[in-house]
Amino acid sequence: KNTKDEKSVYDMYYDYSEAVKTIAPHR
């Protein structure tokens, strides 16, 4: 979840979830 209400390069992770077993290393 985001901790700041401002745009950043991390926008796609502001409300994001993914399974531990599938999450890609670069993510």
mmCIF file of all heavy atoms, coordinates in Angstrom:
data_MODEL
# 
_entry.id   MODEL 
# 
loop_
_atom_site.group_PDB 
_atom_site.id 
_atom_site.type_symbol 
_atom_site.label_atom_id 
_atom_site.label_alt_id 
_atom_site.label_comp_id 
_atom_site.label_asym_id 
_atom_site.label_entity_id 
_atom_site.label_seq_id 
_atom_site.pdbx_PDB_ins_code 
_atom_site.Cartn_x 
_atom_site.Cartn_y 
_atom_site.Cartn_z 
_atom_site.occupancy 
_atom_site.B_iso_or_equiv 
_atom_site.pdbx_formal_charge 
_atom_site.auth_seq_id 
_atom_site.auth_comp_id 
_atom_site.auth_asym_id 
_atom_site.auth_atom_id 
_atom_site.pdbx_PDB_model_num 
ATOM 1   N N   . LYS A 1 1  ? 0.862  -1.196  0.000   1.00 0.00 ? 1  LYS A N   1 
ATOM 2   C CA  . LYS A 1 1  ? 0.000  0.000   0.000   1.00 0.00 ? 1  LYS A CA  1 
ATOM 3   C C   . LYS A 1 1  ? 0.889  1.235   0.000   1.00 0.00 ? 1  LYS A C   1 
ATOM 4   O O   . LYS A 1 1  ? 2.013  1.211   0.504   1.00 0.00 ? 1  LYS A O   1 
ATOM 5   C CB  . LYS A 1 1  ? -0.891 0.026   1.256   1.00 0.00 ? 1  LYS A CB  1 
ATOM 6   C CG  . LYS A 1 1  ? -1.826 -1.166  1.396   1.00 0.00 ? 1  LYS A CG  1 
ATOM 7   C CD  . LYS A 1 1  ? -3.000 -1.092  0.447   1.00 0.00 ? 1  LYS A CD  1 
ATOM 8   C CE  . LYS A 1 1  ? -3.965 -2.263  0.688   1.00 0.00 ? 1  LYS A CE  1 
ATOM 9   N NZ  . LYS A 1 1  ? -5.054 -2.275  -0.314  1.00 0.00 ? 1  LYS A NZ  1 
ATOM 10  N N   . ASN A 1 2  ? 0.366  2.320   -0.543  1.00 0.00 ? 2  ASN A N   1 
ATOM 11  C CA  . ASN A 1 2  ? 1.139  3.567   -0.552  1.00 0.00 ? 2  ASN A CA  1 
ATOM 12  C C   . ASN A 1 2  ? 1.098  4.249   0.811   1.00 0.00 ? 2  ASN A C   1 
ATOM 13  O O   . ASN A 1 2  ? 0.102  4.160   1.539   1.00 0.00 ? 2  ASN A O   1 
ATOM 14  C CB  . ASN A 1 2  ? 0.640  4.516   -1.643  1.00 0.00 ? 2  ASN A CB  1 
ATOM 15  C CG  . ASN A 1 2  ? -0.821 4.885   -1.467  1.00 0.00 ? 2  ASN A CG  1 
ATOM 16  O OD1 . ASN A 1 2  ? -1.665 4.009   -1.328  1.00 0.00 ? 2  ASN A OD1 1 
ATOM 17  N ND2 . ASN A 1 2  ? -1.117 6.169   -1.484  1.00 0.00 ? 2  ASN A ND2 1 
ATOM 18  N N   . THR A 1 3  ? 2.172  4.935   1.162   1.00 0.00 ? 3  THR A N   1 
ATOM 19  C CA  . THR A 1 3  ? 2.237  5.697   2.407   1.00 0.00 ? 3  THR A CA  1 
ATOM 20  C C   . THR A 1 3  ? 2.204  7.200   2.122   1.00 0.00 ? 3  THR A C   1 
ATOM 21  O O   . THR A 1 3  ? 2.108  7.995   3.041   1.00 0.00 ? 3  THR A O   1 
ATOM 22  C CB  . THR A 1 3  ? 3.534  5.375   3.172   1.00 0.00 ? 3  THR A CB  1 
ATOM 23  O OG1 . THR A 1 3  ? 4.651  5.649   2.331   1.00 0.00 ? 3  THR A OG1 1 
ATOM 24  C CG2 . THR A 1 3  ? 3.565  3.914   3.587   1.00 0.00 ? 3  THR A CG2 1 
ATOM 25  N N   . LYS A 1 4  ? 2.330  7.563   0.840   1.00 0.00 ? 4  LYS A N   1 
ATOM 26  C CA  . LYS A 1 4  ? 2.310  8.979   0.446   1.00 0.00 ? 4  LYS A CA  1 
ATOM 27  C C   . LYS A 1 4  ? 1.316  9.180   -0.689  1.00 0.00 ? 4  LYS A C   1 
ATOM 28  O O   . LYS A 1 4  ? 1.254  8.372   -1.609  1.00 0.00 ? 4  LYS A O   1 
ATOM 29  C CB  . LYS A 1 4  ? 3.698  9.433   -0.020  1.00 0.00 ? 4  LYS A CB  1 
ATOM 30  C CG  . LYS A 1 4  ? 4.792  9.328   1.035   1.00 0.00 ? 4  LYS A CG  1 
ATOM 31  C CD  . LYS A 1 4  ? 6.128  9.788   0.460   1.00 0.00 ? 4  LYS A CD  1 
ATOM 32  C CE  . LYS A 1 4  ? 7.244  9.646   1.496   1.00 0.00 ? 4  LYS A CE  1 
ATOM 33  N NZ  . LYS A 1 4  ? 8.558  10.077  0.966   1.00 0.00 ? 4  LYS A NZ  1 
ATOM 34  N N   . ASP A 1 5  ? 0.564  10.266  -0.622  1.00 0.00 ? 5  ASP A N   1 
ATOM 35  C CA  . ASP A 1 5  ? -0.382 10.589  -1.694  1.00 0.00 ? 5  ASP A CA  1 
ATOM 36  C C   . ASP A 1 5  ? 0.298  11.466  -2.732  1.00 0.00 ? 5  ASP A C   1 
ATOM 37  O O   . ASP A 1 5  ? -0.032 12.644  -2.897  1.00 0.00 ? 5  ASP A O   1 
ATOM 38  C CB  . ASP A 1 5  ? -1.624 11.297  -1.122  1.00 0.00 ? 5  ASP A CB  1 
ATOM 39  C CG  . ASP A 1 5  ? -2.455 10.348  -0.278  1.00 0.00 ? 5  ASP A CG  1 
ATOM 40  O OD1 . ASP A 1 5  ? -2.540 9.169   -0.651  1.00 0.00 ? 5  ASP A OD1 1 
ATOM 41  O OD2 . ASP A 1 5  ? -2.988 10.789  0.753   1.00 0.00 ? 5  ASP A OD2 1 
ATOM 42  N N   . GLU A 1 6  ? 1.271  10.887  -3.405  1.00 0.00 ? 6  GLU A N   1 
ATOM 43  C CA  . GLU A 1 6  ? 1.959  11.614  -4.471  1.00 0.00 ? 6  GLU A CA  1 
ATOM 44  C C   . GLU A 1 6  ? 2.436  10.621  -5.519  1.00 0.00 ? 6  GLU A C   1 
ATOM 45  O O   . GLU A 1 6  ? 2.694  9.455   -5.217  1.00 0.00 ? 6  GLU A O   1 
ATOM 46  C CB  . GLU A 1 6  ? 3.151  12.396  -3.922  1.00 0.00 ? 6  GLU A CB  1 
ATOM 47  C CG  . GLU A 1 6  ? 4.207  11.543  -3.237  1.00 0.00 ? 6  GLU A CG  1 
ATOM 48  C CD  . GLU A 1 6  ? 5.355  12.363  -2.659  1.00 0.00 ? 6  GLU A CD  1 
ATOM 49  O OE1 . GLU A 1 6  ? 5.181  12.933  -1.562  1.00 0.00 ? 6  GLU A OE1 1 
ATOM 50  O OE2 . GLU A 1 6  ? 6.413  12.416  -3.314  1.00 0.00 ? 6  GLU A OE2 1 
ATOM 51  N N   . LYS A 1 7  ? 2.529  11.086  -6.758  1.00 0.00 ? 7  LYS A N   1 
ATOM 52  C CA  . LYS A 1 7  ? 2.960  10.207  -7.836  1.00 0.00 ? 7  LYS A CA  1 
ATOM 53  C C   . LYS A 1 7  ? 4.436  9.859   -7.658  1.00 0.00 ? 7  LYS A C   1 
ATOM 54  O O   . LYS A 1 7  ? 5.214  10.663  -7.172  1.00 0.00 ? 7  LYS A O   1 
ATOM 55  C CB  . LYS A 1 7  ? 2.737  10.874  -9.199  1.00 0.00 ? 7  LYS A CB  1 
ATOM 56  C CG  . LYS A 1 7  ? 1.274  10.923  -9.623  1.00 0.00 ? 7  LYS A CG  1 
ATOM 57  C CD  . LYS A 1 7  ? 1.131  11.304  -11.089 1.00 0.00 ? 7  LYS A CD  1 
ATOM 58  C CE  . LYS A 1 7  ? 1.545  10.192  -12.029 1.00 0.00 ? 7  LYS A CE  1 
ATOM 59  N NZ  . LYS A 1 7  ? 0.668  9.001   -11.925 1.00 0.00 ? 7  LYS A NZ  1 
ATOM 60  N N   . SER A 1 8  ? 4.768  8.628   -8.044  1.00 0.00 ? 8  SER A N   1 
ATOM 61  C CA  . SER A 1 8  ? 6.162  8.199   -7.968  1.00 0.00 ? 8  SER A CA  1 
ATOM 62  C C   . SER A 1 8  ? 6.357  7.035   -8.938  1.00 0.00 ? 8  SER A C   1 
ATOM 63  O O   . SER A 1 8  ? 5.402  6.563   -9.570  1.00 0.00 ? 8  SER A O   1 
ATOM 64  C CB  . SER A 1 8  ? 6.519  7.750   -6.548  1.00 0.00 ? 8  SER A CB  1 
ATOM 65  O OG  . SER A 1 8  ? 5.944  6.481   -6.276  1.00 0.00 ? 8  SER A OG  1 
ATOM 66  N N   . VAL A 1 9  ? 7.584  6.557   -9.034  1.00 0.00 ? 9  VAL A N   1 
ATOM 67  C CA  . VAL A 1 9  ? 7.860  5.411   -9.914  1.00 0.00 ? 9  VAL A CA  1 
ATOM 68  C C   . VAL A 1 9  ? 7.251  4.130   -9.345  1.00 0.00 ? 9  VAL A C   1 
ATOM 69  O O   . VAL A 1 9  ? 7.256  3.092   -10.007 1.00 0.00 ? 9  VAL A O   1 
ATOM 70  C CB  . VAL A 1 9  ? 9.383  5.215   -10.111 1.00 0.00 ? 9  VAL A CB  1 
ATOM 71  C CG1 . VAL A 1 9  ? 9.976  6.358   -10.877 1.00 0.00 ? 9  VAL A CG1 1 
ATOM 72  C CG2 . VAL A 1 9  ? 10.088 5.026   -8.762  1.00 0.00 ? 9  VAL A CG2 1 
ATOM 73  N N   . TYR A 1 10 ? 6.709  4.218   -8.108  1.00 0.00 ? 10 TYR A N   1 
ATOM 74  C CA  . TYR A 1 10 ? 6.140  3.034   -7.465  1.00 0.00 ? 10 TYR A CA  1 
ATOM 75  C C   . TYR A 1 10 ? 4.611  3.015   -7.550  1.00 0.00 ? 10 TYR A C   1 
ATOM 76  O O   . TYR A 1 10 ? 3.956  2.264   -6.827  1.00 0.00 ? 10 TYR A O   1 
ATOM 77  C CB  . TYR A 1 10 ? 6.584  2.974   -5.993  1.00 0.00 ? 10 TYR A CB  1 
ATOM 78  C CG  . TYR A 1 10 ? 8.075  3.082   -5.831  1.00 0.00 ? 10 TYR A CG  1 
ATOM 79  C CD1 . TYR A 1 10 ? 8.662  4.247   -5.331  1.00 0.00 ? 10 TYR A CD1 1 
ATOM 80  C CD2 . TYR A 1 10 ? 8.916  2.033   -6.200  1.00 0.00 ? 10 TYR A CD2 1 
ATOM 81  C CE1 . TYR A 1 10 ? 10.044 4.358   -5.192  1.00 0.00 ? 10 TYR A CE1 1 
ATOM 82  C CE2 . TYR A 1 10 ? 10.297 2.136   -6.068  1.00 0.00 ? 10 TYR A CE2 1 
ATOM 83  C CZ  . TYR A 1 10 ? 10.857 3.302   -5.569  1.00 0.00 ? 10 TYR A CZ  1 
ATOM 84  O OH  . TYR A 1 10 ? 12.217 3.409   -5.440  1.00 0.00 ? 10 TYR A OH  1 
ATOM 85  N N   . ASP A 1 11 ? 4.042  3.819   -8.453  1.00 0.00 ? 11 ASP A N   1 
ATOM 86  C CA  . ASP A 1 11 ? 2.583  3.937   -8.578  1.00 0.00 ? 11 ASP A CA  1 
ATOM 87  C C   . ASP A 1 11 ? 1.881  2.581   -8.655  1.00 0.00 ? 11 ASP A C   1 
ATOM 88  O O   . ASP A 1 11 ? 0.835  2.376   -8.039  1.00 0.00 ? 11 ASP A O   1 
ATOM 89  C CB  . ASP A 1 11 ? 2.208  4.740   -9.836  1.00 0.00 ? 11 ASP A CB  1 
ATOM 90  C CG  . ASP A 1 11 ? 2.406  6.237   -9.619  1.00 0.00 ? 11 ASP A CG  1 
ATOM 91  O OD1 . ASP A 1 11 ? 2.844  6.608   -8.520  1.00 0.00 ? 11 ASP A OD1 1 
ATOM 92  O OD2 . ASP A 1 11 ? 2.133  7.013   -10.542 1.00 0.00 ? 11 ASP A OD2 1 
ATOM 93  N N   . MET A 1 12 ? 2.446  1.678   -9.452  1.00 0.00 ? 12 MET A N   1 
ATOM 94  C CA  . MET A 1 12 ? 1.756  0.400   -9.684  1.00 0.00 ? 12 MET A CA  1 
ATOM 95  C C   . MET A 1 12 ? 1.665  -0.442  -8.409  1.00 0.00 ? 12 MET A C   1 
ATOM 96  O O   . MET A 1 12 ? 0.870  -1.384  -8.330  1.00 0.00 ? 12 MET A O   1 
ATOM 97  C CB  . MET A 1 12 ? 2.449  -0.398  -10.789 1.00 0.00 ? 12 MET A CB  1 
ATOM 98  C CG  . MET A 1 12 ? 3.788  -0.995  -10.425 1.00 0.00 ? 12 MET A CG  1 
ATOM 99  S SD  . MET A 1 12 ? 4.382  -2.195  -11.669 1.00 0.00 ? 12 MET A SD  1 
ATOM 100 C CE  . MET A 1 12 ? 3.362  -3.621  -11.314 1.00 0.00 ? 12 MET A CE  1 
ATOM 101 N N   . TYR A 1 13 ? 2.479  -0.099  -7.382  1.00 0.00 ? 13 TYR A N   1 
ATOM 102 C CA  . TYR A 1 13 ? 2.471  -0.869  -6.139  1.00 0.00 ? 13 TYR A CA  1 
ATOM 103 C C   . TYR A 1 13 ? 1.678  -0.173  -5.025  1.00 0.00 ? 13 TYR A C   1 
ATOM 104 O O   . TYR A 1 13 ? 1.719  -0.605  -3.878  1.00 0.00 ? 13 TYR A O   1 
ATOM 105 C CB  . TYR A 1 13 ? 3.911  -1.113  -5.672  1.00 0.00 ? 13 TYR A CB  1 
ATOM 106 C CG  . TYR A 1 13 ? 4.733  -1.880  -6.677  1.00 0.00 ? 13 TYR A CG  1 
ATOM 107 C CD1 . TYR A 1 13 ? 5.762  -1.258  -7.384  1.00 0.00 ? 13 TYR A CD1 1 
ATOM 108 C CD2 . TYR A 1 13 ? 4.474  -3.220  -6.941  1.00 0.00 ? 13 TYR A CD2 1 
ATOM 109 C CE1 . TYR A 1 13 ? 6.521  -1.966  -8.322  1.00 0.00 ? 13 TYR A CE1 1 
ATOM 110 C CE2 . TYR A 1 13 ? 5.217  -3.932  -7.874  1.00 0.00 ? 13 TYR A CE2 1 
ATOM 111 C CZ  . TYR A 1 13 ? 6.236  -3.292  -8.561  1.00 0.00 ? 13 TYR A CZ  1 
ATOM 112 O OH  . TYR A 1 13 ? 6.976  -3.987  -9.484  1.00 0.00 ? 13 TYR A OH  1 
ATOM 113 N N   . TYR A 1 14 ? 0.953  0.905   -5.356  1.00 0.00 ? 14 TYR A N   1 
ATOM 114 C CA  . TYR A 1 14 ? 0.199  1.646   -4.333  1.00 0.00 ? 14 TYR A CA  1 
ATOM 115 C C   . TYR A 1 14 ? -0.976 0.851   -3.774  1.00 0.00 ? 14 TYR A C   1 
ATOM 116 O O   . TYR A 1 14 ? -1.438 1.114   -2.676  1.00 0.00 ? 14 TYR A O   1 
ATOM 117 C CB  . TYR A 1 14 ? -0.270 2.985   -4.890  1.00 0.00 ? 14 TYR A CB  1 
ATOM 118 C CG  . TYR A 1 14 ? 0.798  4.075   -4.865  1.00 0.00 ? 14 TYR A CG  1 
ATOM 119 C CD1 . TYR A 1 14 ? 2.105  3.787   -4.487  1.00 0.00 ? 14 TYR A CD1 1 
ATOM 120 C CD2 . TYR A 1 14 ? 0.498  5.387   -5.201  1.00 0.00 ? 14 TYR A CD2 1 
ATOM 121 C CE1 . TYR A 1 14 ? 3.077  4.769   -4.451  1.00 0.00 ? 14 TYR A CE1 1 
ATOM 122 C CE2 . TYR A 1 14 ? 1.471  6.390   -5.171  1.00 0.00 ? 14 TYR A CE2 1 
ATOM 123 C CZ  . TYR A 1 14 ? 2.758  6.066   -4.806  1.00 0.00 ? 14 TYR A CZ  1 
ATOM 124 O OH  . TYR A 1 14 ? 3.722  7.052   -4.777  1.00 0.00 ? 14 TYR A OH  1 
ATOM 125 N N   . ASP A 1 15 ? -1.469 -0.083  -4.539  1.00 0.00 ? 15 ASP A N   1 
ATOM 126 C CA  . ASP A 1 15 ? -2.527 -0.978  -4.043  1.00 0.00 ? 15 ASP A CA  1 
ATOM 127 C C   . ASP A 1 15 ? -2.347 -2.289  -4.791  1.00 0.00 ? 15 ASP A C   1 
ATOM 128 O O   . ASP A 1 15 ? -3.016 -2.565  -5.779  1.00 0.00 ? 15 ASP A O   1 
ATOM 129 C CB  . ASP A 1 15 ? -3.913 -0.389  -4.309  1.00 0.00 ? 15 ASP A CB  1 
ATOM 130 C CG  . ASP A 1 15 ? -5.019 -1.208  -3.652  1.00 0.00 ? 15 ASP A CG  1 
ATOM 131 O OD1 . ASP A 1 15 ? -4.682 -2.093  -2.842  1.00 0.00 ? 15 ASP A OD1 1 
ATOM 132 O OD2 . ASP A 1 15 ? -6.195 -0.979  -3.965  1.00 0.00 ? 15 ASP A OD2 1 
ATOM 133 N N   . TYR A 1 16 ? -1.422 -3.097  -4.304  1.00 0.00 ? 16 TYR A N   1 
ATOM 134 C CA  . TYR A 1 16 ? -0.946 -4.230  -5.101  1.00 0.00 ? 16 TYR A CA  1 
ATOM 135 C C   . TYR A 1 16 ? -0.852 -5.481  -4.249  1.00 0.00 ? 16 TYR A C   1 
ATOM 136 O O   . TYR A 1 16 ? -0.574 -5.423  -3.051  1.00 0.00 ? 16 TYR A O   1 
ATOM 137 C CB  . TYR A 1 16 ? 0.451  -3.889  -5.655  1.00 0.00 ? 16 TYR A CB  1 
ATOM 138 C CG  . TYR A 1 16 ? 1.036  -4.917  -6.586  1.00 0.00 ? 16 TYR A CG  1 
ATOM 139 C CD1 . TYR A 1 16 ? 0.660  -4.986  -7.919  1.00 0.00 ? 16 TYR A CD1 1 
ATOM 140 C CD2 . TYR A 1 16 ? 1.985  -5.829  -6.112  1.00 0.00 ? 16 TYR A CD2 1 
ATOM 141 C CE1 . TYR A 1 16 ? 1.212  -5.930  -8.773  1.00 0.00 ? 16 TYR A CE1 1 
ATOM 142 C CE2 . TYR A 1 16 ? 2.546  -6.793  -6.960  1.00 0.00 ? 16 TYR A CE2 1 
ATOM 143 C CZ  . TYR A 1 16 ? 2.151  -6.831  -8.286  1.00 0.00 ? 16 TYR A CZ  1 
ATOM 144 O OH  . TYR A 1 16 ? 2.694  -7.765  -9.132  1.00 0.00 ? 16 TYR A OH  1 
ATOM 145 N N   . SER A 1 17 ? -1.105 -6.614  -4.875  1.00 0.00 ? 17 SER A N   1 
ATOM 146 C CA  . SER A 1 17 ? -0.904 -7.890  -4.178  1.00 0.00 ? 17 SER A CA  1 
ATOM 147 C C   . SER A 1 17 ? -0.483 -8.947  -5.192  1.00 0.00 ? 17 SER A C   1 
ATOM 148 O O   . SER A 1 17 ? -0.895 -8.903  -6.345  1.00 0.00 ? 17 SER A O   1 
ATOM 149 C CB  . SER A 1 17 ? -2.182 -8.326  -3.456  1.00 0.00 ? 17 SER A CB  1 
ATOM 150 O OG  . SER A 1 17 ? -3.195 -8.631  -4.390  1.00 0.00 ? 17 SER A OG  1 
ATOM 151 N N   . GLU A 1 18 ? 0.350  -9.865  -4.737  1.00 0.00 ? 18 GLU A N   1 
ATOM 152 C CA  . GLU A 1 18 ? 0.780  -10.969 -5.598  1.00 0.00 ? 18 GLU A CA  1 
ATOM 153 C C   . GLU A 1 18 ? 1.211  -12.137 -4.731  1.00 0.00 ? 18 GLU A C   1 
ATOM 154 O O   . GLU A 1 18 ? 1.757  -11.961 -3.642  1.00 0.00 ? 18 GLU A O   1 
ATOM 155 C CB  . GLU A 1 18 ? 1.926  -10.540 -6.517  1.00 0.00 ? 18 GLU A CB  1 
ATOM 156 C CG  . GLU A 1 18 ? 2.308  -11.627 -7.527  1.00 0.00 ? 18 GLU A CG  1 
ATOM 157 C CD  . GLU A 1 18 ? 3.210  -11.150 -8.642  1.00 0.00 ? 18 GLU A CD  1 
ATOM 158 O OE1 . GLU A 1 18 ? 3.563  -9.959  -8.676  1.00 0.00 ? 18 GLU A OE1 1 
ATOM 159 O OE2 . GLU A 1 18 ? 3.583  -11.984 -9.490  1.00 0.00 ? 18 GLU A OE2 1 
ATOM 160 N N   . ALA A 1 19 ? 0.947  -13.333 -5.240  1.00 0.00 ? 19 ALA A N   1 
ATOM 161 C CA  . ALA A 1 19 ? 1.314  -14.554 -4.510  1.00 0.00 ? 19 ALA A CA  1 
ATOM 162 C C   . ALA A 1 19 ? 2.822  -14.640 -4.333  1.00 0.00 ? 19 ALA A C   1 
ATOM 163 O O   . ALA A 1 19 ? 3.575  -14.320 -5.256  1.00 0.00 ? 19 ALA A O   1 
ATOM 164 C CB  . ALA A 1 19 ? 0.792  -15.775 -5.253  1.00 0.00 ? 19 ALA A CB  1 
ATOM 165 N N   . VAL A 1 20 ? 3.232  -15.069 -3.164  1.00 0.00 ? 20 VAL A N   1 
ATOM 166 C CA  . VAL A 1 20 ? 4.661  -15.232 -2.869  1.00 0.00 ? 20 VAL A CA  1 
ATOM 167 C C   . VAL A 1 20 ? 5.316  -16.160 -3.889  1.00 0.00 ? 20 VAL A C   1 
ATOM 168 O O   . VAL A 1 20 ? 6.425  -15.918 -4.357  1.00 0.00 ? 20 VAL A O   1 
ATOM 169 C CB  . VAL A 1 20 ? 4.855  -15.799 -1.443  1.00 0.00 ? 20 VAL A CB  1 
ATOM 170 C CG1 . VAL A 1 20 ? 6.295  -16.250 -1.218  1.00 0.00 ? 20 VAL A CG1 1 
ATOM 171 C CG2 . VAL A 1 20 ? 4.463  -14.760 -0.402  1.00 0.00 ? 20 VAL A CG2 1 
ATOM 172 N N   . LYS A 1 21 ? 4.612  -17.224 -4.262  1.00 0.00 ? 21 LYS A N   1 
ATOM 173 C CA  . LYS A 1 21 ? 5.215  -18.239 -5.134  1.00 0.00 ? 21 LYS A CA  1 
ATOM 174 C C   . LYS A 1 21 ? 5.378  -17.770 -6.580  1.00 0.00 ? 21 LYS A C   1 
ATOM 175 O O   . LYS A 1 21 ? 6.125  -18.383 -7.345  1.00 0.00 ? 21 LYS A O   1 
ATOM 176 C CB  . LYS A 1 21 ? 4.402  -19.532 -5.090  1.00 0.00 ? 21 LYS A CB  1 
ATOM 177 C CG  . LYS A 1 21 ? 3.004  -19.429 -5.675  1.00 0.00 ? 21 LYS A CG  1 
ATOM 178 C CD  . LYS A 1 21 ? 2.273  -20.762 -5.555  1.00 0.00 ? 21 LYS A CD  1 
ATOM 179 C CE  . LYS A 1 21 ? 0.854  -20.659 -6.126  1.00 0.00 ? 21 LYS A CE  1 
ATOM 180 N NZ  . LYS A 1 21 ? 0.113  -21.923 -5.958  1.00 0.00 ? 21 LYS A NZ  1 
ATOM 181 N N   . THR A 1 22 ? 4.698  -16.669 -6.970  1.00 0.00 ? 22 THR A N   1 
ATOM 182 C CA  . THR A 1 22 ? 4.791  -16.223 -8.374  1.00 0.00 ? 22 THR A CA  1 
ATOM 183 C C   . THR A 1 22 ? 5.452  -14.859 -8.549  1.00 0.00 ? 22 THR A C   1 
ATOM 184 O O   . THR A 1 22 ? 5.756  -14.473 -9.673  1.00 0.00 ? 22 THR A O   1 
ATOM 185 C CB  . THR A 1 22 ? 3.395  -16.161 -9.024  1.00 0.00 ? 22 THR A CB  1 
ATOM 186 O OG1 . THR A 1 22 ? 2.585  -15.196 -8.311  1.00 0.00 ? 22 THR A OG1 1 
ATOM 187 C CG2 . THR A 1 22 ? 2.723  -17.522 -9.015  1.00 0.00 ? 22 THR A CG2 1 
ATOM 188 N N   . ILE A 1 23 ? 5.671  -14.138 -7.468  1.00 0.00 ? 23 ILE A N   1 
ATOM 189 C CA  . ILE A 1 23 ? 6.173  -12.769 -7.611  1.00 0.00 ? 23 ILE A CA  1 
ATOM 190 C C   . ILE A 1 23 ? 7.560  -12.772 -8.263  1.00 0.00 ? 23 ILE A C   1 
ATOM 191 O O   . ILE A 1 23 ? 8.449  -13.518 -7.868  1.00 0.00 ? 23 ILE A O   1 
ATOM 192 C CB  . ILE A 1 23 ? 6.191  -12.025 -6.250  1.00 0.00 ? 23 ILE A CB  1 
ATOM 193 C CG1 . ILE A 1 23 ? 6.454  -10.526 -6.463  1.00 0.00 ? 23 ILE A CG1 1 
ATOM 194 C CG2 . ILE A 1 23 ? 7.184  -12.634 -5.276  1.00 0.00 ? 23 ILE A CG2 1 
ATOM 195 C CD1 . ILE A 1 23 ? 6.124  -9.672  -5.250  1.00 0.00 ? 23 ILE A CD1 1 
ATOM 196 N N   . ALA A 1 24 ? 7.712  -11.936 -9.279  1.00 0.00 ? 24 ALA A N   1 
ATOM 197 C CA  . ALA A 1 24 ? 8.960  -11.900 -10.051 1.00 0.00 ? 24 ALA A CA  1 
ATOM 198 C C   . ALA A 1 24 ? 10.065 -11.205 -9.259  1.00 0.00 ? 24 ALA A C   1 
ATOM 199 O O   . ALA A 1 24 ? 9.804  -10.261 -8.512  1.00 0.00 ? 24 ALA A O   1 
ATOM 200 C CB  . ALA A 1 24 ? 8.737  -11.160 -11.371 1.00 0.00 ? 24 ALA A CB  1 
ATOM 201 N N   . PRO A 1 25 ? 11.308 -11.656 -9.425  1.00 0.00 ? 25 PRO A N   1 
ATOM 202 C CA  . PRO A 1 25 ? 12.423 -11.064 -8.674  1.00 0.00 ? 25 PRO A CA  1 
ATOM 203 C C   . PRO A 1 25 ? 12.545 -9.550  -8.835  1.00 0.00 ? 25 PRO A C   1 
ATOM 204 O O   . PRO A 1 25 ? 12.799 -8.846  -7.859  1.00 0.00 ? 25 PRO A O   1 
ATOM 205 C CB  . PRO A 1 25 ? 13.648 -11.781 -9.249  1.00 0.00 ? 25 PRO A CB  1 
ATOM 206 C CG  . PRO A 1 25 ? 13.141 -13.107 -9.695  1.00 0.00 ? 25 PRO A CG  1 
ATOM 207 C CD  . PRO A 1 25 ? 11.758 -12.829 -10.210 1.00 0.00 ? 25 PRO A CD  1 
ATOM 208 N N   . HIS A 1 26 ? 12.350 -9.026  -10.060 1.00 0.00 ? 26 HIS A N   1 
ATOM 209 C CA  . HIS A 1 26 ? 12.520 -7.580  -10.238 1.00 0.00 ? 26 HIS A CA  1 
ATOM 210 C C   . HIS A 1 26 ? 11.428 -6.798  -9.518  1.00 0.00 ? 26 HIS A C   1 
ATOM 211 O O   . HIS A 1 26 ? 11.642 -5.664  -9.095  1.00 0.00 ? 26 HIS A O   1 
ATOM 212 C CB  . HIS A 1 26 ? 12.569 -7.204  -11.730 1.00 0.00 ? 26 HIS A CB  1 
ATOM 213 C CG  . HIS A 1 26 ? 11.311 -7.449  -12.497 1.00 0.00 ? 26 HIS A CG  1 
ATOM 214 N ND1 . HIS A 1 26 ? 11.022 -8.657  -13.084 1.00 0.00 ? 26 HIS A ND1 1 
ATOM 215 C CD2 . HIS A 1 26 ? 10.256 -6.626  -12.781 1.00 0.00 ? 26 HIS A CD2 1 
ATOM 216 C CE1 . HIS A 1 26 ? 9.856  -8.576  -13.696 1.00 0.00 ? 26 HIS A CE1 1 
ATOM 217 N NE2 . HIS A 1 26 ? 9.372  -7.369  -13.524 1.00 0.00 ? 26 HIS A NE2 1 
ATOM 218 N N   . ARG A 1 27 ? 10.244 -7.427  -9.336  1.00 0.00 ? 27 ARG A N   1 
ATOM 219 C CA  . ARG A 1 27 ? 9.185  -6.739  -8.583  1.00 0.00 ? 27 ARG A CA  1 
ATOM 220 C C   . ARG A 1 27 ? 9.511  -6.735  -7.086  1.00 0.00 ? 27 ARG A C   1 
ATOM 221 O O   . ARG A 1 27 ? 9.205  -5.771  -6.382  1.00 0.00 ? 27 ARG A O   1 
ATOM 222 C CB  . ARG A 1 27 ? 7.828  -7.386  -8.863  1.00 0.00 ? 27 ARG A CB  1 
ATOM 223 C CG  . ARG A 1 27 ? 7.272  -7.004  -10.226 1.00 0.00 ? 27 ARG A CG  1 
ATOM 224 C CD  . ARG A 1 27 ? 5.768  -7.207  -10.295 1.00 0.00 ? 27 ARG A CD  1 
ATOM 225 N NE  . ARG A 1 27 ? 5.412  -8.599  -10.459 1.00 0.00 ? 27 ARG A NE  1 
ATOM 226 C CZ  . ARG A 1 27 ? 5.371  -9.231  -11.618 1.00 0.00 ? 27 ARG A CZ  1 
ATOM 227 N NH1 . ARG A 1 27 ? 5.678  -8.589  -12.725 1.00 0.00 ? 27 ARG A NH1 1 
ATOM 228 N NH2 . ARG A 1 27 ? 5.025  -10.500 -11.690 1.00 0.00 ? 27 ARG A NH2 1 
# 
